[in-house]
Protein backbone atom coordinates (compact mmCIF):
# COMPACT_ATOMS: atom_id res chain seq x y z
CA UNK A 1 18.11 11.20 -7.21
CA UNK A 2 15.40 10.34 -9.96
CA UNK A 3 13.27 7.56 -11.69
CA UNK A 4 11.61 7.60 -14.73
CA UNK A 5 8.32 8.99 -13.62
CA UNK A 6 9.25 10.74 -10.28
CA UNK A 7 12.03 13.50 -10.56
CA UNK A 8 13.82 15.01 -7.51
CA UNK A 9 16.21 17.52 -7.03
CA UNK A 10 17.36 19.69 -4.00
CA UNK A 11 18.32 23.44 -4.27
CA UNK A 12 18.06 26.50 -1.90
CA UNK A 13 17.20 23.58 0.59
CA UNK A 14 13.84 22.84 -1.34
CA UNK A 15 13.18 19.37 -2.35
CA UNK A 16 11.44 19.53 -5.75
CA UNK A 17 9.40 16.59 -6.55
CA UNK A 18 8.16 16.38 -10.18
CA UNK A 19 5.48 13.85 -11.57
CA UNK A 20 6.88 12.97 -14.94
CA UNK A 21 4.64 10.67 -16.83
CA UNK A 22 3.29 13.16 -19.63
CA UNK A 23 2.30 10.35 -22.01
CA UNK A 24 -0.42 9.49 -19.49
CA UNK A 25 -0.98 12.89 -18.11
CA UNK A 26 1.03 11.96 -14.82
CA UNK A 27 -1.47 9.28 -13.90
CA UNK A 28 -0.34 7.64 -10.75
CA UNK A 29 0.68 4.04 -10.67
CA UNK A 30 1.37 1.92 -7.37
CA UNK A 31 5.10 2.00 -8.45
CA UNK A 32 4.84 5.87 -8.35
CA UNK A 33 3.00 5.91 -5.20
CA UNK A 34 5.79 3.52 -3.82
CA UNK A 35 8.56 6.10 -4.63
CA UNK A 36 6.64 9.32 -3.56
CA UNK A 37 6.11 7.67 -0.18
CA UNK A 38 9.80 6.72 0.05
CA UNK A 39 10.84 10.21 -0.88
CA UNK A 40 8.43 11.88 1.66
CA UNK A 41 9.14 9.43 4.42
CA UNK A 42 12.78 10.95 4.49
CA UNK A 43 12.02 14.49 4.52
CA UNK A 44 11.76 15.24 8.26
CA UNK A 45 14.97 13.61 8.85
CA UNK A 46 16.97 15.28 5.95
CA UNK A 47 18.88 18.30 7.38
CA UNK A 48 19.52 19.47 3.60
CA UNK A 49 15.69 19.96 3.17
CA UNK A 50 13.52 22.58 4.60
CA UNK A 51 10.77 22.89 2.19
CA UNK A 52 9.11 20.62 -0.44
CA UNK A 53 7.69 21.62 -3.89
CA UNK A 54 5.38 19.17 -5.70
CA UNK A 55 4.93 19.97 -9.32
CA UNK A 56 3.83 18.08 -12.56
CA UNK A 57 4.89 18.87 -16.19
CA UNK A 58 4.76 22.08 -17.74
CA UNK A 59 0.97 21.28 -19.05
CA UNK A 60 -0.39 18.70 -16.57
CA UNK A 61 -0.21 18.44 -12.83
CA UNK A 62 -1.92 14.84 -12.43
CA UNK A 63 -4.70 13.13 -14.25
CA UNK A 64 -5.53 11.02 -11.01
CA UNK A 65 -5.02 7.32 -10.49
CA UNK A 66 -3.95 5.06 -13.27
CA UNK A 67 -7.29 2.98 -12.98
CA UNK A 68 -6.02 0.07 -15.11
CA UNK A 69 -2.88 -0.18 -13.02
CA UNK A 70 -5.23 -0.48 -10.03
CA UNK A 71 -7.54 -3.13 -11.48
CA UNK A 72 -4.58 -5.22 -12.69
CA UNK A 73 -2.90 -4.81 -9.23
CA UNK A 74 -5.68 -4.41 -6.70
CA UNK A 75 -4.42 -2.37 -3.76
CA UNK A 76 -5.34 -3.77 -0.51
CA UNK A 77 -4.54 -3.51 3.28
CA UNK A 78 -3.04 -0.74 5.08
CA UNK A 79 0.25 -1.04 3.55
CA UNK A 80 -1.03 -0.51 0.09
CA UNK A 81 1.30 2.09 -1.81
CA UNK A 82 -1.23 4.67 -2.23
CA UNK A 83 -2.11 4.68 1.29
CA UNK A 84 1.56 4.86 2.42
CA UNK A 85 1.82 7.76 0.04
CA UNK A 86 -1.15 9.31 1.50
CA UNK A 87 -0.12 9.11 5.16
CA UNK A 88 3.60 10.01 4.03
CA UNK A 89 2.39 13.47 2.83
CA UNK A 90 -0.23 14.13 5.38
CA UNK A 91 2.64 13.65 8.11
CA UNK A 92 5.31 15.73 6.41
CA UNK A 93 6.44 18.10 9.32
CA UNK A 94 8.11 20.61 7.04
CA UNK A 95 6.13 23.04 4.75
CA UNK A 96 4.92 21.55 1.23
CA UNK A 97 3.96 23.92 -1.63
CA UNK A 98 2.30 22.84 -4.90
CA UNK A 99 2.64 24.20 -8.39
CA UNK A 100 -0.25 23.36 -10.41
CA UNK A 101 -0.76 23.55 -14.30
CA UNK A 102 -3.17 21.76 -16.51
CA UNK A 103 -5.41 19.12 -15.37
CA UNK A 104 -5.63 18.10 -11.63
CA UNK A 105 -7.99 15.26 -11.27
CA UNK A 106 -8.80 12.88 -8.61
CA UNK A 107 -5.98 12.63 -6.20
CA UNK A 108 -4.38 15.56 -8.37
CA UNK A 109 -6.88 17.70 -6.58
CA UNK A 110 -7.42 15.82 -3.03
CA UNK A 111 -3.42 15.78 -2.51
CA UNK A 112 -3.56 19.42 -2.47
CA UNK A 113 -5.44 19.53 0.81
CA UNK A 114 -2.36 18.11 2.50
CA UNK A 115 -0.14 20.98 1.22
CA UNK A 116 0.44 24.14 2.83
CA UNK A 117 0.37 26.60 0.05
CA UNK A 118 -0.81 25.93 -3.42
CA UNK A 119 -0.55 27.92 -6.77
CA UNK A 120 -2.43 27.33 -9.88
CA UNK A 121 -2.15 28.43 -13.60
CA UNK A 122 -4.92 30.32 -14.92
CA UNK A 123 -5.84 27.38 -17.35
CA UNK A 124 -5.83 24.62 -14.71
CA UNK A 125 -8.84 22.54 -14.35
CA UNK A 126 -9.52 20.78 -11.17
CA UNK A 127 -12.02 17.76 -11.02
CA UNK A 128 -13.14 15.30 -8.35
CA UNK A 129 -14.69 12.79 -10.67
CA UNK A 130 -15.17 9.98 -8.32
CA UNK A 131 -18.89 9.47 -8.72
CA UNK A 132 -18.57 9.62 -12.34
CA UNK A 133 -16.58 6.59 -12.49
CA UNK A 134 -18.69 4.51 -9.75
CA UNK A 135 -16.25 5.08 -6.74
CA UNK A 136 -16.17 7.32 -3.76
CA UNK A 137 -13.92 10.11 -2.75
CA UNK A 138 -10.50 9.72 -1.06
CA UNK A 139 -7.52 11.12 0.67
CA UNK A 140 -9.82 12.48 3.61
CA UNK A 141 -11.40 14.53 1.21
CA UNK A 142 -15.01 13.61 2.52
CA UNK A 143 -13.57 15.13 5.97
CA UNK A 144 -11.45 18.19 4.75
CA UNK A 145 -13.52 19.45 1.78
CA UNK A 146 -16.64 20.25 3.70
CA UNK A 147 -14.51 21.76 6.56
CA UNK A 148 -12.75 24.18 4.09
CA UNK A 149 -15.53 25.25 1.98
CA UNK A 150 -18.91 24.04 3.56
CA UNK A 151 -21.23 21.11 3.07
CA UNK A 152 -23.31 22.34 0.07
CA UNK A 153 -20.27 23.50 -2.02
CA UNK A 154 -18.42 20.32 -1.27
CA UNK A 155 -21.28 18.20 -2.11
CA UNK A 156 -21.73 19.94 -5.56
CA UNK A 157 -18.03 19.39 -6.30
CA UNK A 158 -18.00 15.69 -5.27
CA UNK A 159 -21.79 14.54 -6.19
CA UNK A 160 -22.27 16.49 -9.51
CA UNK A 161 -18.57 15.87 -10.20
CA UNK A 162 -17.97 18.43 -12.75
CA UNK A 163 -14.72 20.10 -13.39
CA UNK A 164 -14.20 23.51 -12.18
CA UNK A 165 -11.68 26.52 -12.89
CA UNK A 166 -8.79 27.88 -11.04
CA UNK A 167 -10.93 30.96 -10.47
CA UNK A 168 -13.33 28.84 -8.65
CA UNK A 169 -10.68 27.09 -6.60
CA UNK A 170 -9.19 30.24 -5.56
CA UNK A 171 -12.86 31.74 -4.52
CA UNK A 172 -13.44 28.42 -2.54
CA UNK A 173 -10.06 29.12 -0.77
CA UNK A 174 -8.74 25.62 -2.01
CA UNK A 175 -5.56 27.51 -3.39
CA UNK A 176 -3.55 30.55 -2.66
CA UNK A 177 -3.34 32.29 -6.04
CA UNK A 178 -4.14 31.98 -9.81
CA UNK A 179 -1.20 33.08 -11.98
CA UNK A 180 -0.30 33.06 -15.63
CA UNK A 181 0.55 29.33 -16.50
CA UNK A 182 4.13 30.47 -17.16
CA UNK A 183 4.83 31.87 -13.93
CA UNK A 184 3.37 29.32 -11.70
CA UNK A 185 6.31 27.16 -11.09
CA UNK A 186 8.74 30.01 -10.63
CA UNK A 187 6.12 31.74 -8.09
CA UNK A 188 5.76 28.42 -6.09
CA UNK A 189 9.19 27.76 -5.77
CA UNK A 190 10.11 31.41 -4.71
CA UNK A 191 7.53 30.71 -1.98
CA UNK A 192 9.09 27.52 -0.89
CA UNK A 193 12.48 29.15 -0.91
CA UNK A 194 11.20 31.81 1.29
CA UNK A 195 9.81 29.10 3.53
CA UNK A 196 13.13 27.34 3.54
CA UNK A 197 14.75 30.60 5.00
CA UNK A 198 12.55 30.93 7.81
CA UNK A 199 13.40 29.55 11.33
CA UNK A 200 12.75 26.07 10.76
CA UNK A 201 11.75 24.96 14.47
CA UNK A 202 8.98 27.80 14.61
CA UNK A 203 7.75 26.57 11.23
CA UNK A 204 7.45 22.86 12.19
CA UNK A 205 5.89 23.86 15.12
CA UNK A 206 3.38 26.31 13.49
CA UNK A 207 2.42 23.66 10.92
CA UNK A 208 1.95 21.01 13.87
CA UNK A 209 -0.44 23.45 15.64
CA UNK A 210 -2.40 24.12 12.27
CA UNK A 211 -2.93 20.45 11.78
CA UNK A 212 -3.04 19.35 15.35
CA UNK A 213 -6.86 19.49 15.59
CA UNK A 214 -7.48 17.44 12.53
CA UNK A 215 -4.77 15.02 12.21
CA UNK A 216 -6.29 12.21 13.99
CA UNK A 217 -9.40 12.43 12.23
CA UNK A 218 -7.51 12.80 8.93
CA UNK A 219 -5.90 9.41 9.45
CA UNK A 220 -9.02 7.76 10.25
CA UNK A 221 -10.64 9.21 7.12
CA UNK A 222 -8.05 7.86 4.82
CA UNK A 223 -8.33 4.54 6.17
CA UNK A 224 -12.18 4.59 6.12
CA UNK A 225 -12.54 5.91 2.67
CA UNK A 226 -9.86 3.55 1.16
CA UNK A 227 -11.99 0.51 2.31
CA UNK A 228 -14.87 1.85 0.35
CA UNK A 229 -12.86 2.99 -2.45
CA UNK A 230 -10.99 -0.35 -3.22
CA UNK A 231 -14.09 -2.21 -2.82
CA UNK A 232 -16.02 -0.03 -5.27
CA UNK A 233 -13.19 -0.04 -7.77
CA UNK A 234 -13.98 -3.65 -8.00
CA UNK A 235 -17.60 -3.23 -8.23
CA UNK A 236 -20.20 -3.11 -11.01
CA UNK A 237 -20.66 0.47 -11.45
CA UNK A 238 -16.95 1.00 -11.85
CA UNK A 239 -16.55 -1.69 -14.26
CA UNK A 240 -19.60 -0.06 -16.34
CA UNK A 241 -17.57 3.49 -16.14
CA UNK A 242 -13.89 1.93 -17.02
CA UNK A 243 -15.74 -0.02 -20.04
CA UNK A 244 -17.40 3.13 -21.07
CA UNK A 245 -14.41 4.88 -20.90
CA UNK A 246 -12.57 2.14 -23.15
CA UNK A 247 -15.33 2.23 -25.65
CA UNK A 248 -15.34 6.40 -25.71
CA UNK A 249 -18.98 6.35 -24.37
CA UNK A 250 -20.87 7.67 -21.63
CA UNK A 251 -21.61 5.21 -18.79
CA UNK A 252 -24.95 4.15 -18.38
CA UNK A 253 -25.95 3.55 -14.54
CA UNK A 254 -29.58 3.35 -15.34
CA UNK A 255 -30.00 -0.28 -14.36
CA UNK A 256 -28.21 0.04 -10.84
CA UNK A 257 -30.05 0.89 -7.68
């Protein structure tokens, strides 16, 4: 039930999905997105699974997309692995819990908007760095984040693109609780187990109702953002940012208009 970079297990009717690429801080490749989409696409039909728990390694949740992988193998079209993953997670009808430790960057933060419960370690650092690397937000975050925390707070997080603490994420109601790092996984798993013990039909209906009023817009936003994201990833601003990162310097956007 596992591959090198995506590990899965089922215990107590909870499917645990672990990102396991520590040498790259769990940066997601298209192959990883493909595997995640496959796993998530089977959840609702699996009678042995009543809840899903998503986690990273002990010291890192996810550092975002592997940009070099995306540049080497440009993702395009509605069947791109990243879009299949995004739509698969957003469509899961059973409850999804996240356990977050260490960096949660880019999609490592935006995927949390599609989970039902999220618990972070006190040393977790969230970051929506899209503008810093010459691209735009993704995964319906331009729709969901302003609805969750208001326009000015959302604008600060995605336009200034500065890292923020777990305490700020909690204050902004992006996560449920902040815990000592060593307790995060066990706490999140206990919540997932409790969900797995609830009346399954009632849970599915409740989740459907909570998401019913935004789901059509979420799907539209995922596709609309992706069109801009993929185009910008091939653009001059993103190339400057990637070159600057490779040469360990600050990107210079002064010549762009």
